Amino acid sequence: MKAEQQQKGATKTVKKVKVNNKAPVRLWVKAAFTGFRRSKVQQNENQALLKIQHVDDVSSSRFYWGKRVAYIYKAHSLKNNTKFRTIWGRISKSHGSNGVVIARFNRNLPPRAIGSTLRVFLYPNRA
């Protein structure tokens, strides 16, 4: 009796549905804007200091030299059908030995952005 049921069950075709259990790929790394490059008396607003997530020394920060950075903020009025705006920049070099990097932006970052999260994109790739 069981053999007959197994034979009947074997003739049925089962459709396999492909399930994507993976998380979406993120092509950017979080970074914190810690402030402007400065001395005791003056600061350079055209040089922003960024602390990239999981970067703790100069050798690992070298990978990010030349990568693009975006500061995304929300404005009150619509422009190009969206309230979100971006200021683009590029990482130029390391700062100190703790993995902090210097970035230069097309327009200088506003002071209210200090402490906020920026996106460091993983392109252009130099490899």
PDB file of N, CA and C in Angstrom:
ATOM      1  N   MET A   1       0.819  -1.195   0.000  1.00  0.00           N
ATOM      2  CA  MET A   1       0.000   0.000   0.000  1.00  0.00           C
ATOM      3  C   MET A   1       0.867   1.265   0.000  1.00  0.00           C
ATOM      4  N   LYS A   2       1.894   1.290   0.848  1.00  0.00           N
ATOM      5  CA  LYS A   2       2.765   2.465   0.912  1.00  0.00           C
ATOM      6  C   LYS A   2       3.557   2.619  -0.369  1.00  0.00           C
ATOM      7  N   ALA A   3       3.958   1.519  -0.973  1.00  0.00           N
ATOM      8  CA  ALA A   3       4.720   1.587  -2.216  1.00  0.00           C
ATOM      9  C   ALA A   3       3.872   2.209  -3.320  1.00  0.00           C
ATOM     10  N   GLU A   4       2.571   1.900  -3.346  1.00  0.00           N
ATOM     11  CA  GLU A   4       1.699   2.481  -4.351  1.00  0.00           C
ATOM     12  C   GLU A   4       1.549   3.995  -4.146  1.00  0.00           C
ATOM     13  N   GLN A   5       1.460   4.423  -2.884  1.00  0.00           N
ATOM     14  CA  GLN A   5       1.327   5.863  -2.608  1.00  0.00           C
ATOM     15  C   GLN A   5       2.605   6.605  -2.994  1.00  0.00           C
ATOM     16  N   GLN A   6       3.760   5.975  -2.761  1.00  0.00           N
ATOM     17  CA  GLN A   6       5.018   6.621  -3.104  1.00  0.00           C
ATOM     18  C   GLN A   6       5.144   6.751  -4.620  1.00  0.00           C
ATOM     19  N   GLN A   7       4.677   5.731  -5.364  1.00  0.00           N
ATOM     20  CA  GLN A   7       4.746   5.815  -6.807  1.00  0.00           C
ATOM     21  C   GLN A   7       3.827   6.915  -7.339  1.00  0.00           C
ATOM     22  N   LYS A   8       2.658   7.066  -6.742  1.00  0.00           N
ATOM     23  CA  LYS A   8       1.742   8.118  -7.167  1.00  0.00           C
ATOM     24  C   LYS A   8       2.342   9.497  -6.868  1.00  0.00           C
ATOM     25  N   GLY A   9       2.977   9.620  -5.694  1.00  0.00           N
ATOM     26  CA  GLY A   9       3.585  10.892  -5.301  1.00  0.00           C
ATOM     27  C   GLY A   9       4.795  11.232  -6.153  1.00  0.00           C
ATOM     28  N   ALA A  10       5.464  10.226  -6.686  1.00  0.00           N
ATOM     29  CA  ALA A  10       6.669  10.462  -7.476  1.00  0.00           C
ATOM     30  C   ALA A  10       6.332  11.035  -8.849  1.00  0.00           C
ATOM     31  N   THR A  11       5.130  10.798  -9.335  1.00  0.00           N
ATOM     32  CA  THR A  11       4.781  11.296 -10.656  1.00  0.00           C
ATOM     33  C   THR A  11       4.397  12.772 -10.633  1.00  0.00           C
ATOM     34  N   LYS A  12       4.154  13.342  -9.469  1.00  0.00           N
ATOM     35  CA  LYS A  12       3.786  14.747  -9.383  1.00  0.00           C
ATOM     36  C   LYS A  12       5.033  15.613  -9.579  1.00  0.00           C
ATOM     37  N   THR A  13       4.871  16.712 -10.273  1.00  0.00           N
ATOM     38  CA  THR A  13       5.979  17.648 -10.446  1.00  0.00           C
ATOM     39  C   THR A  13       5.798  18.811  -9.477  1.00  0.00           C
ATOM     40  N   VAL A  14       6.871  19.190  -8.878  1.00  0.00           N
ATOM     41  CA  VAL A  14       6.835  20.276  -7.910  1.00  0.00           C
ATOM     42  C   VAL A  14       7.633  21.444  -8.474  1.00  0.00           C
ATOM     43  N   LYS A  15       7.027  22.609  -8.460  1.00  0.00           N
ATOM     44  CA  LYS A  15       7.719  23.806  -8.915  1.00  0.00           C
ATOM     45  C   LYS A  15       8.581  24.336  -7.784  1.00  0.00           C
ATOM     46  N   LYS A  16       9.830  24.622  -8.104  1.00  0.00           N
ATOM     47  CA  LYS A  16      10.719  25.206  -7.111  1.00  0.00           C
ATOM     48  C   LYS A  16      10.737  26.718  -7.303  1.00  0.00           C
ATOM     49  N   VAL A  17      10.475  27.417  -6.235  1.00  0.00           N
ATOM     50  CA  VAL A  17      10.495  28.867  -6.270  1.00  0.00           C
ATOM     51  C   VAL A  17      11.834  29.324  -5.710  1.00  0.00           C
ATOM     52  N   LYS A  18      12.499  30.183  -6.465  1.00  0.00           N
ATOM     53  CA  LYS A  18      13.795  30.680  -6.025  1.00  0.00           C
ATOM     54  C   LYS A  18      13.579  31.753  -4.964  1.00  0.00           C
ATOM     55  N   VAL A  19      14.145  31.544  -3.782  1.00  0.00           N
ATOM     56  CA  VAL A  19      13.995  32.480  -2.674  1.00  0.00           C
ATOM     57  C   VAL A  19      15.331  33.176  -2.444  1.00  0.00           C
ATOM     58  N   ASN A  20      15.292  34.489  -2.370  1.00  0.00           N
ATOM     59  CA  ASN A  20      16.503  35.269  -2.143  1.00  0.00           C
ATOM     60  C   ASN A  20      16.582  35.602  -0.655  1.00  0.00           C
ATOM     61  N   ASN A  21      17.431  34.873   0.071  1.00  0.00           N
ATOM     62  CA  ASN A  21      17.575  35.095   1.504  1.00  0.00           C
ATOM     63  C   ASN A  21      18.696  36.068   1.824  1.00  0.00           C
ATOM     64  N   LYS A  22      19.383  36.572   0.814  1.00  0.00           N
ATOM     65  CA  LYS A  22      20.514  37.451   1.041  1.00  0.00           C
ATOM     66  C   LYS A  22      20.046  38.895   1.211  1.00  0.00           C
ATOM     67  N   ALA A  23      20.796  39.645   1.974  1.00  0.00           N
ATOM     68  CA  ALA A  23      20.508  41.060   2.140  1.00  0.00           C
ATOM     69  C   ALA A  23      20.945  41.811   0.880  1.00  0.00           C
ATOM     70  N   PRO A  24      20.330  42.946   0.586  1.00  0.00           N
ATOM     71  CA  PRO A  24      20.758  43.704  -0.589  1.00  0.00           C
ATOM     72  C   PRO A  24      22.189  44.197  -0.426  1.00  0.00           C
ATOM     73  N   VAL A  25      22.889  44.309  -1.532  1.00  0.00           N
ATOM     74  CA  VAL A  25      24.287  44.714  -1.514  1.00  0.00           C
ATOM     75  C   VAL A  25      24.363  46.222  -1.295  1.00  0.00           C
ATOM     76  N   ARG A  26      25.196  46.647  -0.360  1.00  0.00           N
ATOM     77  CA  ARG A  26      25.370  48.060  -0.069  1.00  0.00           C
ATOM     78  C   ARG A  26      26.749  48.479  -0.541  1.00  0.00           C
ATOM     79  N   LEU A  27      26.812  49.440  -1.447  1.00  0.00           N
ATOM     80  CA  LEU A  27      28.070  49.845  -2.042  1.00  0.00           C
ATOM     81  C   LEU A  27      28.666  51.068  -1.350  1.00  0.00           C
ATOM     82  N   TRP A  28      28.365  51.249  -0.070  1.00  0.00           N
ATOM     83  CA  TRP A  28      28.934  52.368   0.668  1.00  0.00           C
ATOM     84  C   TRP A  28      29.182  51.969   2.113  1.00  0.00           C
ATOM     85  N   VAL A  29      30.052  52.745   2.763  1.00  0.00           N
ATOM     86  CA  VAL A  29      30.436  52.508   4.154  1.00  0.00           C
ATOM     87  C   VAL A  29      30.085  53.768   4.933  1.00  0.00           C
ATOM     88  N   LYS A  30      29.656  53.593   6.178  1.00  0.00           N
ATOM     89  CA  LYS A  30      29.301  54.745   7.002  1.00  0.00           C
ATOM     90  C   LYS A  30      30.551  55.459   7.494  1.00  0.00           C
ATOM     91  N   ALA A  31      30.463  56.762   7.588  1.00  0.00           N
ATOM     92  CA  ALA A  31      31.539  57.578   8.147  1.00  0.00           C
ATOM     93  C   ALA A  31      30.909  58.701   8.960  1.00  0.00           C
ATOM     94  N   ALA A  32      31.605  59.135  10.001  1.00  0.00           N
ATOM     95  CA  ALA A  32      31.129  60.228  10.833  1.00  0.00           C
ATOM     96  C   ALA A  32      31.955  61.469  10.547  1.00  0.00           C
ATOM     97  N   PHE A  33      31.278  62.588  10.382  1.00  0.00           N
ATOM     98  CA  PHE A  33      31.949  63.866  10.174  1.00  0.00           C
ATOM     99  C   PHE A  33      32.292  64.435  11.544  1.00  0.00           C
ATOM    100  N   THR A  34      33.580  64.410  11.892  1.00  0.00           N
ATOM    101  CA  THR A  34      33.990  64.811  13.240  1.00  0.00           C
ATOM    102  C   THR A  34      34.292  66.296  13.354  1.00  0.00           C
ATOM    103  N   GLY A  35      34.546  66.977  12.264  1.00  0.00           N
ATOM    104  CA  GLY A  35      34.822  68.410  12.315  1.00  0.00           C
ATOM    105  C   GLY A  35      35.728  68.811  11.176  1.00  0.00           C
ATOM    106  N   PHE A  36      36.184  70.049  11.222  1.00  0.00           N
ATOM    107  CA  PHE A  36      37.075  70.558  10.184  1.00  0.00           C
ATOM    108  C   PHE A  36      38.517  70.423  10.655  1.00  0.00           C
ATOM    109  N   ARG A  37      39.426  70.392   9.695  1.00  0.00           N
ATOM    110  CA  ARG A  37      40.841  70.373  10.031  1.00  0.00           C
ATOM    111  C   ARG A  37      41.201  71.736  10.608  1.00  0.00           C
ATOM    112  N   ARG A  38      41.890  71.742  11.745  1.00  0.00           N
ATOM    113  CA  ARG A  38      42.096  73.006  12.426  1.00  0.00           C
ATOM    114  C   ARG A  38      43.386  72.994  13.227  1.00  0.00           C
ATOM    115  N   SER A  39      43.782  74.178  13.619  1.00  0.00           N
ATOM    116  CA  SER A  39      44.872  74.354  14.572  1.00  0.00           C
ATOM    117  C   SER A  39      44.283  75.029  15.803  1.00  0.00           C
ATOM    118  N   LYS A  40      45.130  75.524  16.643  1.00  0.00           N
ATOM    119  CA  LYS A  40      44.642  76.176  17.854  1.00  0.00           C
ATOM    120  C   LYS A  40      43.895  77.471  17.546  1.00  0.00           C
ATOM    121  N   VAL A  41      44.321  78.152  16.490  1.00  0.00           N
ATOM    122  CA  VAL A  41      43.796  79.481  16.219  1.00  0.00           C
ATOM    123  C   VAL A  41      42.803  79.509  15.053  1.00  0.00           C
ATOM    124  N   GLN A  42      42.993  78.672  14.041  1.00  0.00           N
ATOM    125  CA  GLN A  42      42.147  78.745  12.854  1.00  0.00           C
ATOM    126  C   GLN A  42      41.707  77.358  12.417  1.00  0.00           C
ATOM    127  N   GLN A  43      40.674  77.323  11.574  1.00  0.00           N
ATOM    128  CA  GLN A  43      40.226  76.060  10.997  1.00  0.00           C
ATOM    129  C   GLN A  43      40.057  76.227   9.496  1.00  0.00           C
ATOM    130  N   ASN A  44      40.252  75.113   8.778  1.00  0.00           N
ATOM    131  CA  ASN A  44      40.093  75.100   7.327  1.00  0.00           C
ATOM    132  C   ASN A  44      38.768  74.425   6.997  1.00  0.00           C
ATOM    133  N   GLU A  45      37.797  75.216   6.578  1.00  0.00           N
ATOM    134  CA  GLU A  45      36.471  74.657   6.284  1.00  0.00           C
ATOM    135  C   GLU A  45      36.461  73.820   5.021  1.00  0.00           C
ATOM    136  N   ASN A  46      37.521  73.948   4.198  1.00  0.00           N
ATOM    137  CA  ASN A  46      37.548  73.169   2.963  1.00  0.00           C
ATOM    138  C   ASN A  46      38.158  71.786   3.165  1.00  0.00           C
ATOM    139  N   GLN A  47      38.513  71.437   4.401  1.00  0.00           N
ATOM    140  CA  GLN A  47      39.052  70.117   4.703  1.00  0.00           C
ATOM    141  C   GLN A  47      38.244  69.520   5.854  1.00  0.00           C
ATOM    142  N   ALA A  48      37.457  68.508   5.556  1.00  0.00           N
ATOM    143  CA  ALA A  48      36.606  67.867   6.555  1.00  0.00           C
ATOM    144  C   ALA A  48      37.274  66.597   7.070  1.00  0.00           C
ATOM    145  N   LEU A  49      37.207  66.360   8.371  1.00  0.00           N
ATOM    146  CA  LEU A  49      37.765  65.148   8.974  1.00  0.00           C
ATOM    147  C   LEU A  49      36.656  64.117   9.118  1.00  0.00           C
ATOM    148  N   LEU A  50      36.906  62.912   8.596  1.00  0.00           N
ATOM    149  CA  LEU A  50      35.915  61.832   8.641  1.00  0.00           C
ATOM    150  C   LEU A  50      36.501  60.631   9.350  1.00  0.00           C
ATOM    151  N   LYS A  51      35.692  59.999  10.194  1.00  0.00           N
ATOM    152  CA  LYS A  51      36.076  58.740  10.843  1.00  0.00           C
ATOM    153  C   LYS A  51      35.245  57.644  10.189  1.00  0.00           C
ATOM    154  N   ILE A  52      35.905  56.805   9.395  1.00  0.00           N
ATOM    155  CA  ILE A  52      35.220  55.743   8.652  1.00  0.00           C
ATOM    156  C   ILE A  52      35.032  54.537   9.567  1.00  0.00           C
ATOM    157  N   GLN A  53      33.886  53.912   9.446  1.00  0.00           N
ATOM    158  CA  GLN A  53      33.541  52.757  10.278  1.00  0.00           C
ATOM    159  C   GLN A  53      34.499  51.594  10.018  1.00  0.00           C
ATOM    160  N   HIS A  54      35.024  50.995  11.084  1.00  0.00           N
ATOM    161  CA  HIS A  54      35.925  49.836  11.059  1.00  0.00           C
ATOM    162  C   HIS A  54      37.289  50.156  10.457  1.00  0.00           C
ATOM    163  N   VAL A  55      37.674  51.408  10.406  1.00  0.00           N
ATOM    164  CA  VAL A  55      39.006  51.800   9.942  1.00  0.00           C
ATOM    165  C   VAL A  55      39.741  52.384  11.140  1.00  0.00           C
ATOM    166  N   ASP A  56      40.824  51.714  11.557  1.00  0.00           N
ATOM    167  CA  ASP A  56      41.485  52.109  12.791  1.00  0.00           C
ATOM    168  C   ASP A  56      42.957  52.435  12.636  1.00  0.00           C
ATOM    169  N   ASP A  57      43.505  52.362  11.422  1.00  0.00           N
ATOM    170  CA  ASP A  57      44.912  52.705  11.239  1.00  0.00           C
ATOM    171  C   ASP A  57      45.126  53.251   9.827  1.00  0.00           C
ATOM    172  N   VAL A  58      46.319  53.778   9.609  1.00  0.00           N
ATOM    173  CA  VAL A  58      46.618  54.435   8.334  1.00  0.00           C
ATOM    174  C   VAL A  58      46.610  53.446   7.183  1.00  0.00           C
ATOM    175  N   SER A  59      47.119  52.237   7.416  1.00  0.00           N
ATOM    176  CA  SER A  59      47.217  51.272   6.314  1.00  0.00           C
ATOM    177  C   SER A  59      45.835  50.879   5.788  1.00  0.00           C
ATOM    178  N   SER A  60      44.841  50.755   6.659  1.00  0.00           N
ATOM    179  CA  SER A  60      43.501  50.424   6.175  1.00  0.00           C
ATOM    180  C   SER A  60      42.779  51.654   5.624  1.00  0.00           C
ATOM    181  N   SER A  61      43.204  52.847   6.019  1.00  0.00           N
ATOM    182  CA  SER A  61      42.564  54.044   5.474  1.00  0.00           C
ATOM    183  C   SER A  61      43.065  54.361   4.070  1.00  0.00           C
ATOM    184  N   ARG A  62      44.212  53.828   3.685  1.00  0.00           N
ATOM    185  CA  ARG A  62      44.746  54.081   2.333  1.00  0.00           C
ATOM    186  C   ARG A  62      43.822  53.540   1.252  1.00  0.00           C
ATOM    187  N   PHE A  63      43.077  52.483   1.560  1.00  0.00           N
ATOM    188  CA  PHE A  63      42.147  51.913   0.585  1.00  0.00           C
ATOM    189  C   PHE A  63      41.111  52.950   0.145  1.00  0.00           C
ATOM    190  N   TYR A  64      40.762  53.860   1.037  1.00  0.00           N
ATOM    191  CA  TYR A  64      39.684  54.814   0.763  1.00  0.00           C
ATOM    192  C   TYR A  64      40.162  56.096   0.100  1.00  0.00           C
ATOM    193  N   TRP A  65      41.472  56.258  -0.134  1.00  0.00           N
ATOM    194  CA  TRP A  65      41.964  57.454  -0.804  1.00  0.00           C
ATOM    195  C   TRP A  65      41.367  57.529  -2.207  1.00  0.00           C
ATOM    196  N   GLY A  66      40.791  58.636  -2.561  1.00  0.00           N
ATOM    197  CA  GLY A  66      40.199  58.832  -3.879  1.00  0.00           C
ATOM    198  C   GLY A  66      38.756  58.393  -3.988  1.00  0.00           C
ATOM    199  N   LYS A  67      38.197  57.791  -2.954  1.00  0.00           N
ATOM    200  CA  LYS A  67      36.804  57.340  -3.011  1.00  0.00           C
ATOM    201  C   LYS A  67      35.871  58.536  -2.849  1.00  0.00           C
ATOM    202  N   ARG A  68      34.664  58.408  -3.408  1.00  0.00           N
ATOM    203  CA  ARG A  68      33.667  59.475  -3.355  1.00  0.00           C
ATOM    204  C   ARG A  68      32.910  59.447  -2.037  1.00  0.00           C
ATOM    205  N   VAL A  69      32.548  60.622  -1.553  1.00  0.00           N
ATOM    206  CA  VAL A  69      31.819  60.771  -0.297  1.00  0.00           C
ATOM    207  C   VAL A  69      30.582  61.616  -0.570  1.00  0.00           C
ATOM    208  N   ALA A  70      29.461  61.264   0.076  1.00  0.00           N
ATOM    209  CA  ALA A  70      28.233  62.040  -0.087  1.00  0.00           C
ATOM    210  C   ALA A  70      27.655  62.378   1.274  1.00  0.00           C
ATOM    211  N   TYR A  71      27.330  63.655   1.454  1.00  0.00           N
ATOM    212  CA  TYR A  71      26.573  64.112   2.622  1.00  0.00           C
ATOM    213  C   TYR A  71      25.151  64.329   2.150  1.00  0.00           C
ATOM    214  N   ILE A  72      24.212  63.541   2.653  1.00  0.00           N
ATOM    215  CA  ILE A  72      22.820  63.595   2.221  1.00  0.00           C
ATOM    216  C   ILE A  72      22.011  64.263   3.329  1.00  0.00           C
ATOM    217  N   TYR A  73      21.266  65.299   2.958  1.00  0.00           N
ATOM    218  CA  TYR A  73      20.452  66.000   3.943  1.00  0.00           C
ATOM    219  C   TYR A  73      19.092  66.306   3.341  1.00  0.00           C
ATOM    220  N   LYS A  74      18.168  66.667   4.213  1.00  0.00           N
ATOM    221  CA  LYS A  74      16.807  66.922   3.785  1.00  0.00           C
ATOM    222  C   LYS A  74      16.519  68.418   3.885  1.00  0.00           C
ATOM    223  N   ALA A  75      16.004  68.993   2.806  1.00  0.00           N
ATOM    224  CA  ALA A  75      15.666  70.413   2.761  1.00  0.00           C
ATOM    225  C   ALA A  75      14.153  70.574   2.855  1.00  0.00           C
ATOM    226  N   HIS A  76      13.710  71.808   2.994  1.00  0.00           N
ATOM    227  CA  HIS A  76      12.277  72.062   3.130  1.00  0.00           C
ATOM    228  C   HIS A  76      11.558  72.079   1.791  1.00  0.00           C
ATOM    229  N   SER A  77      12.178  72.645   0.776  1.00  0.00           N
ATOM    230  CA  SER A  77      11.496  72.810  -0.502  1.00  0.00           C
ATOM    231  C   SER A  77      11.896  71.717  -1.491  1.00  0.00           C
ATOM    232  N   LEU A  78      11.017  71.475  -2.427  1.00  0.00           N
ATOM    233  CA  LEU A  78      11.279  70.488  -3.466  1.00  0.00           C
ATOM    234  C   LEU A  78      12.228  71.045  -4.514  1.00  0.00           C
ATOM    235  N   LYS A  79      13.168  70.218  -4.935  1.00  0.00           N
ATOM    236  CA  LYS A  79      14.052  70.558  -6.050  1.00  0.00           C
ATOM    237  C   LYS A  79      14.320  69.256  -6.785  1.00  0.00           C
ATOM    238  N   ASN A  80      14.081  69.230  -8.079  1.00  0.00           N
ATOM    239  CA  ASN A  80      14.191  68.007  -8.887  1.00  0.00           C
ATOM    240  C   ASN A  80      13.291  66.907  -8.346  1.00  0.00           C
ATOM    241  N   ASN A  81      12.102  67.286  -7.890  1.00  0.00           N
ATOM    242  CA  ASN A  81      11.084  66.347  -7.415  1.00  0.00           C
ATOM    243  C   ASN A  81      11.460  65.618  -6.133  1.00  0.00           C
ATOM    244  N   THR A  82      12.385  66.138  -5.352  1.00  0.00           N
ATOM    245  CA  THR A  82      12.769  65.493  -4.094  1.00  0.00           C
ATOM    246  C   THR A  82      13.193  66.547  -3.085  1.00  0.00           C
ATOM    247  N   LYS A  83      13.079  66.199  -1.813  1.00  0.00           N
ATOM    248  CA  LYS A  83      13.533  67.107  -0.757  1.00  0.00           C
ATOM    249  C   LYS A  83      14.948  66.779  -0.309  1.00  0.00           C
ATOM    250  N   PHE A  84      15.502  65.664  -0.786  1.00  0.00           N
ATOM    251  CA  PHE A  84      16.846  65.262  -0.378  1.00  0.00           C
ATOM    252  C   PHE A  84      17.881  65.913  -1.294  1.00  0.00           C
ATOM    253  N   ARG A  85      18.965  66.396  -0.698  1.00  0.00           N
ATOM    254  CA  ARG A  85      20.051  67.008  -1.442  1.00  0.00           C
ATOM    255  C   ARG A  85      21.360  66.357  -1.025  1.00  0.00           C
ATOM    256  N   THR A  86      22.355  66.446  -1.876  1.00  0.00           N
ATOM    257  CA  THR A  86      23.655  65.853  -1.560  1.00  0.00           C
ATOM    258  C   THR A  86      24.767  66.847  -1.846  1.00  0.00           C
ATOM    259  N   ILE A  87      25.807  66.744  -1.039  1.00  0.00           N
ATOM    260  CA  ILE A  87      27.050  67.467  -1.301  1.00  0.00           C
ATOM    261  C   ILE A  87      28.105  66.398  -1.505  1.00  0.00           C
ATOM    262  N   TRP A  88      28.719  66.399  -2.688  1.00  0.00           N
ATOM    263  CA  TRP A  88      29.684  65.364  -3.044  1.00  0.00           C
ATOM    264  C   TRP A  88      31.099  65.820  -2.727  1.00  0.00           C
ATOM    265  N   GLY A  89      31.930  64.857  -2.353  1.00  0.00           N
ATOM    266  CA  GLY A  89      33.328  65.137  -2.078  1.00  0.00           C
ATOM    267  C   GLY A  89      34.191  63.935  -2.395  1.00  0.00           C
ATOM    268  N   ARG A  90      35.467  64.051  -2.053  1.00  0.00           N
ATOM    269  CA  ARG A  90      36.417  62.991  -2.339  1.00  0.00           C
ATOM    270  C   ARG A  90      37.423  62.921  -1.198  1.00  0.00           C
ATOM    271  N   ILE A  91      37.787  61.708  -0.801  1.00  0.00           N
ATOM    272  CA  ILE A  91      38.782  61.525   0.262  1.00  0.00           C
ATOM    273  C   ILE A  91      40.159  61.769  -0.337  1.00  0.00           C
ATOM    274  N   SER A  92      40.933  62.628   0.333  1.00  0.00           N
ATOM    275  CA  SER A  92      42.227  63.000  -0.232  1.00  0.00           C
ATOM    276  C   SER A  92      43.394  62.307   0.457  1.00  0.00           C
ATOM    277  N   LYS A  93      43.400  62.230   1.791  1.00  0.00           N
ATOM    278  CA  LYS A  93      44.541  61.616   2.478  1.00  0.00           C
ATOM    279  C   LYS A  93      44.174  61.289   3.911  1.00  0.00           C
ATOM    280  N   SER A  94      45.091  60.627   4.603  1.00  0.00           N
ATOM    281  CA  SER A  94      44.887  60.270   6.002  1.00  0.00           C
ATOM    282  C   SER A  94      45.234  61.462   6.894  1.00  0.00           C
ATOM    283  N   HIS A  95      44.728  61.389   8.128  1.00  0.00           N
ATOM    284  CA  HIS A  95      44.993  62.436   9.111  1.00  0.00           C
ATOM    285  C   HIS A  95      45.298  61.755  10.438  1.00  0.00           C
ATOM    286  N   GLY A  96      46.556  61.770  10.838  1.00  0.00           N
ATOM    287  CA  GLY A  96      46.933  61.115  12.079  1.00  0.00           C
ATOM    288  C   GLY A  96      47.104  59.622  11.886  1.00  0.00           C
ATOM    289  N   SER A  97      47.147  58.897  12.986  1.00  0.00           N
ATOM    290  CA  SER A  97      47.408  57.453  12.928  1.00  0.00           C
ATOM    291  C   SER A  97      46.221  56.617  13.368  1.00  0.00           C
ATOM    292  N   ASN A  98      45.054  57.227  13.554  1.00  0.00           N
ATOM    293  CA  ASN A  98      43.888  56.485  14.034  1.00  0.00           C
ATOM    294  C   ASN A  98      42.891  56.136  12.948  1.00  0.00           C
ATOM    295  N   GLY A  99      43.233  56.347  11.691  1.00  0.00           N
ATOM    296  CA  GLY A  99      42.318  56.000  10.611  1.00  0.00           C
ATOM    297  C   GLY A  99      41.383  57.115  10.206  1.00  0.00           C
ATOM    298  N   VAL A 100      41.587  58.319  10.717  1.00  0.00           N
ATOM    299  CA  VAL A 100      40.783  59.465  10.296  1.00  0.00           C
ATOM    300  C   VAL A 100      41.314  59.940   8.942  1.00  0.00           C
ATOM    301  N   VAL A 101      40.404  60.363   8.058  1.00  0.00           N
ATOM    302  CA  VAL A 101      40.801  60.810   6.731  1.00  0.00           C
ATOM    303  C   VAL A 101      40.321  62.243   6.498  1.00  0.00           C
ATOM    304  N   ILE A 102      40.974  62.911   5.553  1.00  0.00           N
ATOM    305  CA  ILE A 102      40.591  64.261   5.154  1.00  0.00           C
ATOM    306  C   ILE A 102      39.831  64.170   3.835  1.00  0.00           C
ATOM    307  N   ALA A 103      38.696  64.841   3.780  1.00  0.00           N
ATOM    308  CA  ALA A 103      37.894  64.863   2.555  1.00  0.00           C
ATOM    309  C   ALA A 103      37.676  66.304   2.133  1.00  0.00           C
ATOM    310  N   ARG A 104      37.632  66.523   0.825  1.00  0.00           N
ATOM    311  CA  ARG A 104      37.347  67.843   0.265  1.00  0.00           C
ATOM    312  C   ARG A 104      36.039  67.738  -0.516  1.00  0.00           C
ATOM    313  N   PHE A 105      35.155  68.698  -0.293  1.00  0.00           N
ATOM    314  CA  PHE A 105      33.827  68.668  -0.894  1.00  0.00           C
ATOM    315  C   PHE A 105      33.681  69.778  -1.925  1.00  0.00           C
ATOM    316  N   ASN A 106      32.725  69.582  -2.860  1.00  0.00           N
ATOM    317  CA  ASN A 106      32.470  70.589  -3.891  1.00  0.00           C
ATOM    318  C   ASN A 106      32.026  71.899  -3.251  1.00  0.00           C
ATOM    319  N   ARG A 107      31.108  71.838  -2.319  1.00  0.00           N
ATOM    320  CA  ARG A 107      30.746  72.967  -1.469  1.00  0.00           C
ATOM    321  C   ARG A 107      31.116  72.549  -0.053  1.00  0.00           C
ATOM    322  N   ASN A 108      31.675  73.445   0.711  1.00  0.00           N
ATOM    323  CA  ASN A 108      32.066  73.093   2.071  1.00  0.00           C
ATOM    324  C   ASN A 108      30.860  72.606   2.865  1.00  0.00           C
ATOM    325  N   LEU A 109      31.092  71.633   3.739  1.00  0.00           N
ATOM    326  CA  LEU A 109      30.011  71.110   4.562  1.00  0.00           C
ATOM    327  C   LEU A 109      29.571  72.160   5.568  1.00  0.00           C
ATOM    328  N   PRO A 110      28.273  72.238   5.868  1.00  0.00           N
ATOM    329  CA  PRO A 110      27.807  73.207   6.864  1.00  0.00           C
ATOM    330  C   PRO A 110      28.177  72.735   8.271  1.00  0.00           C
ATOM    331  N   PRO A 111      28.348  73.639   9.208  1.00  0.00           N
ATOM    332  CA  PRO A 111      28.709  73.246  10.572  1.00  0.00           C
ATOM    333  C   PRO A 111      27.671  72.360  11.256  1.00  0.00           C
ATOM    334  N   ARG A 112      26.401  72.463  10.838  1.00  0.00           N
ATOM    335  CA  ARG A 112      25.374  71.622  11.463  1.00  0.00           C
ATOM    336  C   ARG A 112      25.564  70.148  11.120  1.00  0.00           C
ATOM    337  N   ALA A 113      26.425  69.853  10.131  1.00  0.00           N
ATOM    338  CA  ALA A 113      26.663  68.465   9.723  1.00  0.00           C
ATOM    339  C   ALA A 113      27.652  67.756  10.642  1.00  0.00           C
ATOM    340  N   ILE A 114      28.300  68.486  11.553  1.00  0.00           N
ATOM    341  CA  ILE A 114      29.274  67.851  12.447  1.00  0.00           C
ATOM    342  C   ILE A 114      28.562  66.808  13.295  1.00  0.00           C
ATOM    343  N   GLY A 115      29.101  65.594  13.301  1.00  0.00           N
ATOM    344  CA  GLY A 115      28.501  64.487  14.040  1.00  0.00           C
ATOM    345  C   GLY A 115      27.552  63.645  13.223  1.00  0.00           C
ATOM    346  N   SER A 116      27.229  64.077  12.019  1.00  0.00           N
ATOM    347  CA  SER A 116      26.278  63.327  11.208  1.00  0.00           C
ATOM    348  C   SER A 116      26.980  62.229  10.414  1.00  0.00           C
ATOM    349  N   THR A 117      26.174  61.352   9.835  1.00  0.00           N
ATOM    350  CA  THR A 117      26.683  60.213   9.080  1.00  0.00           C
ATOM    351  C   THR A 117      26.780  60.567   7.608  1.00  0.00           C
ATOM    352  N   LEU A 118      27.916  60.210   7.001  1.00  0.00           N
ATOM    353  CA  LEU A 118      28.131  60.393   5.573  1.00  0.00           C
ATOM    354  C   LEU A 118      28.287  59.028   4.928  1.00  0.00           C
ATOM    355  N   ARG A 119      28.162  58.979   3.627  1.00  0.00           N
ATOM    356  CA  ARG A 119      28.344  57.726   2.889  1.00  0.00           C
ATOM    357  C   ARG A 119      29.646  57.787   2.115  1.00  0.00           C
ATOM    358  N   VAL A 120      30.517  56.799   2.338  1.00  0.00           N
ATOM    359  CA  VAL A 120      31.757  56.672   1.581  1.00  0.00           C
ATOM    360  C   VAL A 120      31.532  55.557   0.573  1.00  0.00           C
ATOM    361  N   PHE A 121      31.453  55.906  -0.697  1.00  0.00           N
ATOM    362  CA  PHE A 121      31.182  54.930  -1.737  1.00  0.00           C
ATOM    363  C   PHE A 121      32.466  54.196  -2.116  1.00  0.00           C
ATOM    364  N   LEU A 122      32.315  52.950  -2.522  1.00  0.00           N
ATOM    365  CA  LEU A 122      33.461  52.100  -2.797  1.00  0.00           C
ATOM    366  C   LEU A 122      33.927  52.214  -4.250  1.00  0.00           C
ATOM    367  N   TYR A 123      33.700  53.343  -4.867  1.00  0.00           N
ATOM    368  CA  TYR A 123      34.197  53.602  -6.210  1.00  0.00           C
ATOM    369  C   TYR A 123      34.712  55.024  -6.249  1.00  0.00           C
ATOM    370  N   PRO A 124      35.619  55.392  -7.098  1.00  0.00           N
ATOM    371  CA  PRO A 124      36.258  54.575  -8.117  1.00  0.00           C
ATOM    372  C   PRO A 124      37.233  53.571  -7.521  1.00  0.00           C
ATOM    373  N   ASN A 125      37.290  52.404  -8.133  1.00  0.00           N
ATOM    374  CA  ASN A 125      38.144  51.332  -7.644  1.00  0.00           C
ATOM    375  C   ASN A 125      39.504  51.439  -8.332  1.00  0.00           C
ATOM    376  N   ARG A 126      40.571  51.459  -7.544  1.00  0.00           N
ATOM    377  CA  ARG A 126      41.910  51.617  -8.104  1.00  0.00           C
ATOM    378  C   ARG A 126      42.582  50.284  -8.415  1.00  0.00           C
ATOM    379  N   ALA A 127      41.915  49.177  -8.091  1.00  0.00           N
ATOM    380  CA  ALA A 127      42.538  47.858  -8.290  1.00  0.00           C
ATOM    381  C   ALA A 127      42.554  47.458  -9.743  1.00  0.00           C
TER     382      ALA A 127
END
